[in-house]
Amino acid sequence: MGGRVTRTVRVVPVVFGVALGVSVLLPATPAAAHNELTGSNPRDGARVATAPARVELRFLAKPSPATTKITITGPDNVVAGGTPAFDGSRVRVPFTPAAAGLYIVGYQLASSDGHPVKGEVRFTLTTGTAADPSATVSPADSPSAAASPSAAASPSAAASPSAAVPPSVGPASPSAGGATASTVPAASEQSDSGGRWWLWALGGLVLLAALGTGLAFRRRRGSRDSA
């Protein structure tokens, strides 16, 4: 009799351990299919003095070009992004800034399980950018341009990222300074709601069933021994 009771007591912890393991592993299966942002360049909340040629987003899994949308907007909601280029789990978007200020990179994509994921990466450009290629520089602002007329008429020279910034669009501009001072980097928003309560409920039911089975087995053994 004592041996049977001992065996019953040993079975209960084993059943309990199996039920607990199932309840822990169940939520991991759908979570693995959810995609999310793991990093960016520039990073969220960064302040950059030189405008990058492109903005890069890095994700946990490879995003699908068909279900991925990425936009870049600057001050006054000016569009500052081009067509995204996909490279595995990385997405690069050409960056064409208009002025110093806050830039918002918005992304929206679908995970492999169909769950939508969206959020934002915000960074601040602290200095102005190169002049418009179609604009000419006045001799008063650029003595070297007056000495060389071909330099003012060359679109490639004005479009070069390394071109000098005219003093009129420098960081001393009141409107640009105000936009920079009022910028507060915001945290990246992730819309990845759980909705896994039913998995925990299922794990709890499995655990209760295991405990009930162990107790019933123990009672049957006790009844047979007393008979």
C-alpha atoms as a PDB file:
ATOM      1  CA  MET A   1       0.000   0.000   0.000  1.00  0.00           C
ATOM      2  CA  GLY A   2       2.769   2.370   0.925  1.00  0.00           C
ATOM      3  CA  GLY A   3       4.490   1.688  -2.389  1.00  0.00           C
ATOM      4  CA  ARG A   4       1.344   2.527  -4.368  1.00  0.00           C
ATOM      5  CA  VAL A   5       0.854   5.829  -2.529  1.00  0.00           C
ATOM      6  CA  THR A   6       4.494   6.737  -3.147  1.00  0.00           C
ATOM      7  CA  ARG A   7       4.151   6.044  -6.876  1.00  0.00           C
ATOM      8  CA  THR A   8       0.980   8.165  -7.021  1.00  0.00           C
ATOM      9  CA  VAL A   9       2.699  11.076  -5.287  1.00  0.00           C
ATOM     10  CA  ARG A  10       5.551  10.856  -7.777  1.00  0.00           C
ATOM     11  CA  VAL A  11       3.207  10.905 -10.791  1.00  0.00           C
ATOM     12  CA  VAL A  12       1.515  14.172  -9.757  1.00  0.00           C
ATOM     13  CA  PRO A  13       4.669  16.378 -10.005  1.00  0.00           C
ATOM     14  CA  VAL A  14       5.496  14.884 -13.404  1.00  0.00           C
ATOM     15  CA  VAL A  15       2.030  15.661 -14.772  1.00  0.00           C
ATOM     16  CA  PHE A  16       2.219  19.142 -13.247  1.00  0.00           C
ATOM     17  CA  GLY A  17       5.582  19.793 -14.896  1.00  0.00           C
ATOM     18  CA  VAL A  18       4.332  18.687 -18.324  1.00  0.00           C
ATOM     19  CA  ALA A  19       1.241  20.897 -18.063  1.00  0.00           C
ATOM     20  CA  LEU A  20       3.333  23.882 -16.989  1.00  0.00           C
ATOM     21  CA  GLY A  21       5.737  23.391 -19.880  1.00  0.00           C
ATOM     22  CA  VAL A  22       2.880  23.269 -22.393  1.00  0.00           C
ATOM     23  CA  SER A  23       1.346  26.479 -21.013  1.00  0.00           C
ATOM     24  CA  VAL A  24       4.690  28.294 -21.317  1.00  0.00           C
ATOM     25  CA  LEU A  25       5.528  27.107 -24.828  1.00  0.00           C
ATOM     26  CA  LEU A  26       2.115  27.753 -26.382  1.00  0.00           C
ATOM     27  CA  PRO A  27       2.425  31.591 -26.524  1.00  0.00           C
ATOM     28  CA  ALA A  28       5.902  31.352 -28.066  1.00  0.00           C
ATOM     29  CA  THR A  29       4.578  29.911 -31.332  1.00  0.00           C
ATOM     30  CA  PRO A  30       2.484  32.909 -32.527  1.00  0.00           C
ATOM     31  CA  ALA A  31       4.975  35.411 -31.094  1.00  0.00           C
ATOM     32  CA  ALA A  32       7.744  34.040 -33.311  1.00  0.00           C
ATOM     33  CA  ALA A  33       5.701  34.982 -36.395  1.00  0.00           C
ATOM     34  CA  HIS A  34       5.377  38.660 -35.378  1.00  0.00           C
ATOM     35  CA  ASN A  35       7.770  41.095 -37.028  1.00  0.00           C
ATOM     36  CA  GLU A  36       9.093  44.242 -35.343  1.00  0.00           C
ATOM     37  CA  LEU A  37      11.634  47.051 -35.765  1.00  0.00           C
ATOM     38  CA  THR A  38      15.042  46.242 -34.244  1.00  0.00           C
ATOM     39  CA  GLY A  39      17.012  49.360 -35.213  1.00  0.00           C
ATOM     40  CA  SER A  40      17.419  52.283 -37.586  1.00  0.00           C
ATOM     41  CA  ASN A  41      19.961  54.705 -39.007  1.00  0.00           C
ATOM     42  CA  PRO A  42      19.583  57.466 -37.940  1.00  0.00           C
ATOM     43  CA  ARG A  43      18.367  56.026 -34.661  1.00  0.00           C
ATOM     44  CA  ASP A  44      15.128  57.135 -33.062  1.00  0.00           C
ATOM     45  CA  GLY A  45      15.555  60.484 -31.282  1.00  0.00           C
ATOM     46  CA  ALA A  46      18.925  61.262 -32.918  1.00  0.00           C
ATOM     47  CA  ARG A  47      20.118  64.772 -33.789  1.00  0.00           C
ATOM     48  CA  VAL A  48      22.246  64.799 -36.947  1.00  0.00           C
ATOM     49  CA  ALA A  49      24.221  67.707 -38.377  1.00  0.00           C
ATOM     50  CA  THR A  50      24.779  66.158 -41.813  1.00  0.00           C
ATOM     51  CA  ALA A  51      21.839  64.787 -43.764  1.00  0.00           C
ATOM     52  CA  PRO A  52      22.332  61.088 -44.638  1.00  0.00           C
ATOM     53  CA  ALA A  53      21.892  59.969 -48.229  1.00  0.00           C
ATOM     54  CA  ARG A  54      19.376  57.349 -47.113  1.00  0.00           C
ATOM     55  CA  VAL A  55      17.436  56.184 -44.058  1.00  0.00           C
ATOM     56  CA  GLU A  56      17.773  52.523 -43.062  1.00  0.00           C
ATOM     57  CA  LEU A  57      15.286  50.457 -41.046  1.00  0.00           C
ATOM     58  CA  ARG A  58      16.157  47.019 -39.641  1.00  0.00           C
ATOM     59  CA  PHE A  59      13.448  44.477 -38.798  1.00  0.00           C
ATOM     60  CA  LEU A  60      13.317  41.177 -36.918  1.00  0.00           C
ATOM     61  CA  ALA A  61      12.180  39.306 -40.025  1.00  0.00           C
ATOM     62  CA  LYS A  62      12.357  39.947 -43.756  1.00  0.00           C
ATOM     63  CA  PRO A  63       9.527  42.334 -44.705  1.00  0.00           C
ATOM     64  CA  SER A  64       7.522  41.791 -47.868  1.00  0.00           C
ATOM     65  CA  PRO A  65       7.728  44.638 -50.417  1.00  0.00           C
ATOM     66  CA  ALA A  66       4.076  44.013 -51.312  1.00  0.00           C
ATOM     67  CA  THR A  67       2.829  44.701 -47.771  1.00  0.00           C
ATOM     68  CA  THR A  68       5.406  47.249 -46.581  1.00  0.00           C
ATOM     69  CA  LYS A  69       4.910  51.013 -46.721  1.00  0.00           C
ATOM     70  CA  ILE A  70       7.555  53.517 -45.569  1.00  0.00           C
ATOM     71  CA  THR A  71       7.239  57.301 -45.705  1.00  0.00           C
ATOM     72  CA  ILE A  72       9.521  60.172 -44.653  1.00  0.00           C
ATOM     73  CA  THR A  73       8.074  63.607 -43.924  1.00  0.00           C
ATOM     74  CA  GLY A  74       9.862  66.748 -42.798  1.00  0.00           C
ATOM     75  CA  PRO A  75       8.886  70.223 -41.590  1.00  0.00           C
ATOM     76  CA  ASP A  76       5.484  71.364 -42.906  1.00  0.00           C
ATOM     77  CA  ASN A  77       4.772  67.714 -43.873  1.00  0.00           C
ATOM     78  CA  VAL A  78       7.093  67.920 -46.866  1.00  0.00           C
ATOM     79  CA  VAL A  79       7.768  64.479 -48.385  1.00  0.00           C
ATOM     80  CA  ALA A  80      11.482  63.695 -48.053  1.00  0.00           C
ATOM     81  CA  GLY A  81      11.692  59.994 -48.973  1.00  0.00           C
ATOM     82  CA  GLY A  82      12.043  58.024 -52.186  1.00  0.00           C
ATOM     83  CA  THR A  83      11.297  54.440 -53.238  1.00  0.00           C
ATOM     84  CA  PRO A  84      12.340  51.850 -50.588  1.00  0.00           C
ATOM     85  CA  ALA A  85      15.015  49.281 -51.457  1.00  0.00           C
ATOM     86  CA  PHE A  86      14.713  45.884 -49.714  1.00  0.00           C
ATOM     87  CA  ASP A  87      17.775  43.888 -48.656  1.00  0.00           C
ATOM     88  CA  GLY A  88      16.794  40.941 -46.473  1.00  0.00           C
ATOM     89  CA  SER A  89      15.556  42.296 -43.151  1.00  0.00           C
ATOM     90  CA  ARG A  90      16.842  45.807 -44.004  1.00  0.00           C
ATOM     91  CA  VAL A  91      14.956  48.505 -45.894  1.00  0.00           C
ATOM     92  CA  ARG A  92      16.739  51.610 -47.217  1.00  0.00           C
ATOM     93  CA  VAL A  93      14.865  54.732 -48.324  1.00  0.00           C
ATOM     94  CA  PRO A  94      16.558  57.604 -50.247  1.00  0.00           C
ATOM     95  CA  PHE A  95      16.500  60.766 -48.123  1.00  0.00           C
ATOM     96  CA  THR A  96      16.007  64.188 -49.737  1.00  0.00           C
ATOM     97  CA  PRO A  97      15.662  66.738 -46.911  1.00  0.00           C
ATOM     98  CA  ALA A  98      14.270  70.200 -47.555  1.00  0.00           C
ATOM     99  CA  ALA A  99      15.345  72.114 -44.436  1.00  0.00           C
ATOM    100  CA  ALA A 100      16.521  71.702 -40.877  1.00  0.00           C
ATOM    101  CA  GLY A 101      13.940  70.384 -38.441  1.00  0.00           C
ATOM    102  CA  LEU A 102      12.101  67.246 -37.353  1.00  0.00           C
ATOM    103  CA  TYR A 103      11.799  64.307 -39.745  1.00  0.00           C
ATOM    104  CA  ILE A 104       9.412  61.402 -39.168  1.00  0.00           C
ATOM    105  CA  VAL A 105       9.940  57.971 -40.736  1.00  0.00           C
ATOM    106  CA  GLY A 106       6.635  56.112 -40.674  1.00  0.00           C
ATOM    107  CA  TYR A 107       6.491  52.383 -41.413  1.00  0.00           C
ATOM    108  CA  GLN A 108       3.659  49.899 -41.802  1.00  0.00           C
ATOM    109  CA  LEU A 109       3.997  46.230 -42.707  1.00  0.00           C
ATOM    110  CA  ALA A 110       2.378  42.837 -42.183  1.00  0.00           C
ATOM    111  CA  SER A 111       3.978  39.955 -40.262  1.00  0.00           C
ATOM    112  CA  SER A 112       4.092  36.444 -41.704  1.00  0.00           C
ATOM    113  CA  ASP A 113       0.972  35.597 -39.676  1.00  0.00           C
ATOM    114  CA  GLY A 114      -0.879  38.601 -41.129  1.00  0.00           C
ATOM    115  CA  HIS A 115      -0.577  40.719 -37.984  1.00  0.00           C
ATOM    116  CA  PRO A 116      -0.082  44.436 -38.869  1.00  0.00           C
ATOM    117  CA  VAL A 117       2.926  46.255 -37.424  1.00  0.00           C
ATOM    118  CA  LYS A 118       3.395  50.012 -37.629  1.00  0.00           C
ATOM    119  CA  GLY A 119       5.395  52.735 -35.912  1.00  0.00           C
ATOM    120  CA  GLU A 120       7.620  55.785 -36.308  1.00  0.00           C
ATOM    121  CA  VAL A 121      11.278  56.742 -36.084  1.00  0.00           C
ATOM    122  CA  ARG A 122      11.956  60.425 -35.419  1.00  0.00           C
ATOM    123  CA  PHE A 123      15.205  62.327 -35.810  1.00  0.00           C
ATOM    124  CA  THR A 124      16.191  65.986 -36.071  1.00  0.00           C
ATOM    125  CA  LEU A 125      18.328  67.549 -38.797  1.00  0.00           C
ATOM    126  CA  THR A 126      20.096  70.427 -37.060  1.00  0.00           C
ATOM    127  CA  THR A 127      21.506  72.213 -40.131  1.00  0.00           C
ATOM    128  CA  GLY A 128      20.220  73.334 -43.500  1.00  0.00           C
ATOM    129  CA  THR A 129      20.742  71.365 -46.693  1.00  0.00           C
ATOM    130  CA  ALA A 130      22.175  72.046 -50.148  1.00  0.00           C
ATOM    131  CA  ALA A 131      20.448  74.659 -52.284  1.00  0.00           C
ATOM    132  CA  ASP A 132      17.877  73.802 -54.950  1.00  0.00           C
ATOM    133  CA  PRO A 133      19.698  72.662 -58.130  1.00  0.00           C
ATOM    134  CA  SER A 134      17.521  75.008 -60.251  1.00  0.00           C
ATOM    135  CA  ALA A 135      18.400  78.075 -58.161  1.00  0.00           C
ATOM    136  CA  THR A 136      21.381  80.357 -58.842  1.00  0.00           C
ATOM    137  CA  VAL A 137      23.611  81.894 -56.207  1.00  0.00           C
ATOM    138  CA  SER A 138      23.863  85.694 -56.161  1.00  0.00           C
ATOM    139  CA  PRO A 139      27.364  87.254 -56.473  1.00  0.00           C
ATOM    140  CA  ALA A 140      26.925  88.989 -53.104  1.00  0.00           C
ATOM    141  CA  ASP A 141      26.456  85.645 -51.339  1.00  0.00           C
ATOM    142  CA  SER A 142      29.119  83.743 -53.249  1.00  0.00           C
ATOM    143  CA  PRO A 143      32.110  85.686 -54.681  1.00  0.00           C
ATOM    144  CA  SER A 144      33.550  82.515 -56.167  1.00  0.00           C
ATOM    145  CA  ALA A 145      30.312  81.898 -58.075  1.00  0.00           C
ATOM    146  CA  ALA A 146      30.563  85.385 -59.661  1.00  0.00           C
ATOM    147  CA  ALA A 147      34.089  84.620 -60.861  1.00  0.00           C
ATOM    148  CA  SER A 148      32.936  81.357 -62.429  1.00  0.00           C
ATOM    149  CA  PRO A 149      29.503  81.687 -64.172  1.00  0.00           C
ATOM    150  CA  SER A 150      29.520  78.013 -65.172  1.00  0.00           C
ATOM    151  CA  ALA A 151      29.476  76.968 -61.485  1.00  0.00           C
ATOM    152  CA  ALA A 152      26.144  78.741 -60.850  1.00  0.00           C
ATOM    153  CA  ALA A 153      24.570  77.173 -63.949  1.00  0.00           C
ATOM    154  CA  SER A 154      25.702  73.610 -63.181  1.00  0.00           C
ATOM    155  CA  PRO A 155      22.885  71.543 -61.559  1.00  0.00           C
ATOM    156  CA  SER A 156      25.328  68.806 -60.546  1.00  0.00           C
ATOM    157  CA  ALA A 157      27.362  71.223 -58.457  1.00  0.00           C
ATOM    158  CA  ALA A 158      24.303  72.523 -56.629  1.00  0.00           C
ATOM    159  CA  ALA A 159      22.946  69.006 -56.072  1.00  0.00           C
ATOM    160  CA  SER A 160      26.185  67.700 -54.581  1.00  0.00           C
ATOM    161  CA  PRO A 161      25.747  66.824 -50.839  1.00  0.00           C
ATOM    162  CA  SER A 162      29.124  68.415 -50.133  1.00  0.00           C
ATOM    163  CA  ALA A 163      28.149  71.792 -51.661  1.00  0.00           C
ATOM    164  CA  ALA A 164      28.479  74.851 -49.434  1.00  0.00           C
ATOM    165  CA  VAL A 165      25.327  76.012 -47.627  1.00  0.00           C
ATOM    166  CA  PRO A 166      24.276  79.623 -48.346  1.00  0.00           C
ATOM    167  CA  PRO A 167      24.284  81.802 -45.197  1.00  0.00           C
ATOM    168  CA  SER A 168      20.562  82.544 -45.697  1.00  0.00           C
ATOM    169  CA  VAL A 169      19.610  78.893 -44.997  1.00  0.00           C
ATOM    170  CA  GLY A 170      22.080  78.228 -42.171  1.00  0.00           C
ATOM    171  CA  PRO A 171      21.240  77.159 -38.623  1.00  0.00           C
ATOM    172  CA  ALA A 172      20.772  80.836 -37.646  1.00  0.00           C
ATOM    173  CA  SER A 173      17.363  80.917 -39.399  1.00  0.00           C
ATOM    174  CA  PRO A 174      14.691  81.800 -36.773  1.00  0.00           C
ATOM    175  CA  SER A 175      12.122  79.394 -38.227  1.00  0.00           C
ATOM    176  CA  ALA A 176      14.597  76.503 -38.373  1.00  0.00           C
ATOM    177  CA  GLY A 177      15.912  77.267 -34.882  1.00  0.00           C
ATOM    178  CA  GLY A 178      12.386  77.332 -33.500  1.00  0.00           C
ATOM    179  CA  ALA A 179      11.583  73.994 -35.079  1.00  0.00           C
ATOM    180  CA  THR A 180      14.740  72.476 -33.657  1.00  0.00           C
ATOM    181  CA  ALA A 181      14.169  73.839 -30.154  1.00  0.00           C
ATOM    182  CA  SER A 182      10.586  72.624 -30.045  1.00  0.00           C
ATOM    183  CA  THR A 183      11.447  69.144 -31.214  1.00  0.00           C
ATOM    184  CA  VAL A 184      10.982  66.421 -28.660  1.00  0.00           C
ATOM    185  CA  PRO A 185      12.036  63.004 -29.980  1.00  0.00           C
ATOM    186  CA  ALA A 186       9.294  60.518 -29.520  1.00  0.00           C
ATOM    187  CA  ALA A 187       9.670  56.858 -28.863  1.00  0.00           C
ATOM    188  CA  SER A 188       9.004  54.454 -31.683  1.00  0.00           C
ATOM    189  CA  GLU A 189       5.394  53.338 -31.628  1.00  0.00           C
ATOM    190  CA  GLN A 190       4.814  49.686 -32.045  1.00  0.00           C
ATOM    191  CA  SER A 191       1.370  48.392 -32.768  1.00  0.00           C
ATOM    192  CA  ASP A 192       1.893  44.773 -31.825  1.00  0.00           C
ATOM    193  CA  SER A 193      -1.009  43.957 -29.530  1.00  0.00           C
ATOM    194  CA  GLY A 194      -0.882  40.574 -27.800  1.00  0.00           C
ATOM    195  CA  GLY A 195      -4.341  39.045 -27.764  1.00  0.00           C
ATOM    196  CA  ARG A 196      -2.899  35.842 -26.257  1.00  0.00           C
ATOM    197  CA  TRP A 197      -5.186  35.561 -23.230  1.00  0.00           C
ATOM    198  CA  TRP A 198      -6.827  32.446 -24.641  1.00  0.00           C
ATOM    199  CA  LEU A 199      -3.468  30.667 -24.738  1.00  0.00           C
ATOM    200  CA  TRP A 200      -2.953  31.253 -21.012  1.00  0.00           C
ATOM    201  CA  ALA A 201      -6.518  30.085 -20.372  1.00  0.00           C
ATOM    202  CA  LEU A 202      -5.823  26.900 -22.350  1.00  0.00           C
ATOM    203  CA  GLY A 203      -2.657  26.296 -20.347  1.00  0.00           C
ATOM    204  CA  GLY A 204      -4.625  26.727 -17.113  1.00  0.00           C
ATOM    205  CA  LEU A 205      -7.225  24.191 -18.242  1.00  0.00           C
ATOM    206  CA  VAL A 206      -4.486  21.686 -19.095  1.00  0.00           C
ATOM    207  CA  LEU A 207      -2.952  22.212 -15.654  1.00  0.00           C
ATOM    208  CA  LEU A 208      -6.296  21.713 -13.865  1.00  0.00           C
ATOM    209  CA  ALA A 209      -7.006  18.580 -15.891  1.00  0.00           C
ATOM    210  CA  ALA A 210      -3.602  17.154 -14.977  1.00  0.00           C
ATOM    211  CA  LEU A 211      -4.113  17.820 -11.267  1.00  0.00           C
ATOM    212  CA  GLY A 212      -7.623  16.323 -11.381  1.00  0.00           C
ATOM    213  CA  THR A 213      -6.308  13.182 -13.060  1.00  0.00           C
ATOM    214  CA  GLY A 214      -3.612  12.771 -10.426  1.00  0.00           C
ATOM    215  CA  LEU A 215      -6.038  13.190  -7.525  1.00  0.00           C
ATOM    216  CA  ALA A 216      -8.583  10.770  -9.054  1.00  0.00           C
ATOM    217  CA  PHE A 217      -5.859   8.185  -9.580  1.00  0.00           C
ATOM    218  CA  ARG A 218      -4.748   8.544  -5.989  1.00  0.00           C
ATOM    219  CA  ARG A 219      -8.314   8.138  -4.644  1.00  0.00           C
ATOM    220  CA  ARG A 220      -8.909   4.994  -6.696  1.00  0.00           C
ATOM    221  CA  ARG A 221      -5.717   3.503  -5.326  1.00  0.00           C
ATOM    222  CA  GLY A 222      -6.787   4.376  -1.782  1.00  0.00           C
ATOM    223  CA  SER A 223     -10.227   2.798  -2.253  1.00  0.00           C
ATOM    224  CA  ARG A 224      -8.747  -0.440  -3.594  1.00  0.00           C
ATOM    225  CA  ASP A 225      -6.276  -0.671  -0.731  1.00  0.00           C
ATOM    226  CA  SER A 226      -8.999  -0.110   1.919  1.00  0.00           C
ATOM    227  CA  ALA A 227     -11.194  -2.771   0.263  1.00  0.00           C
END
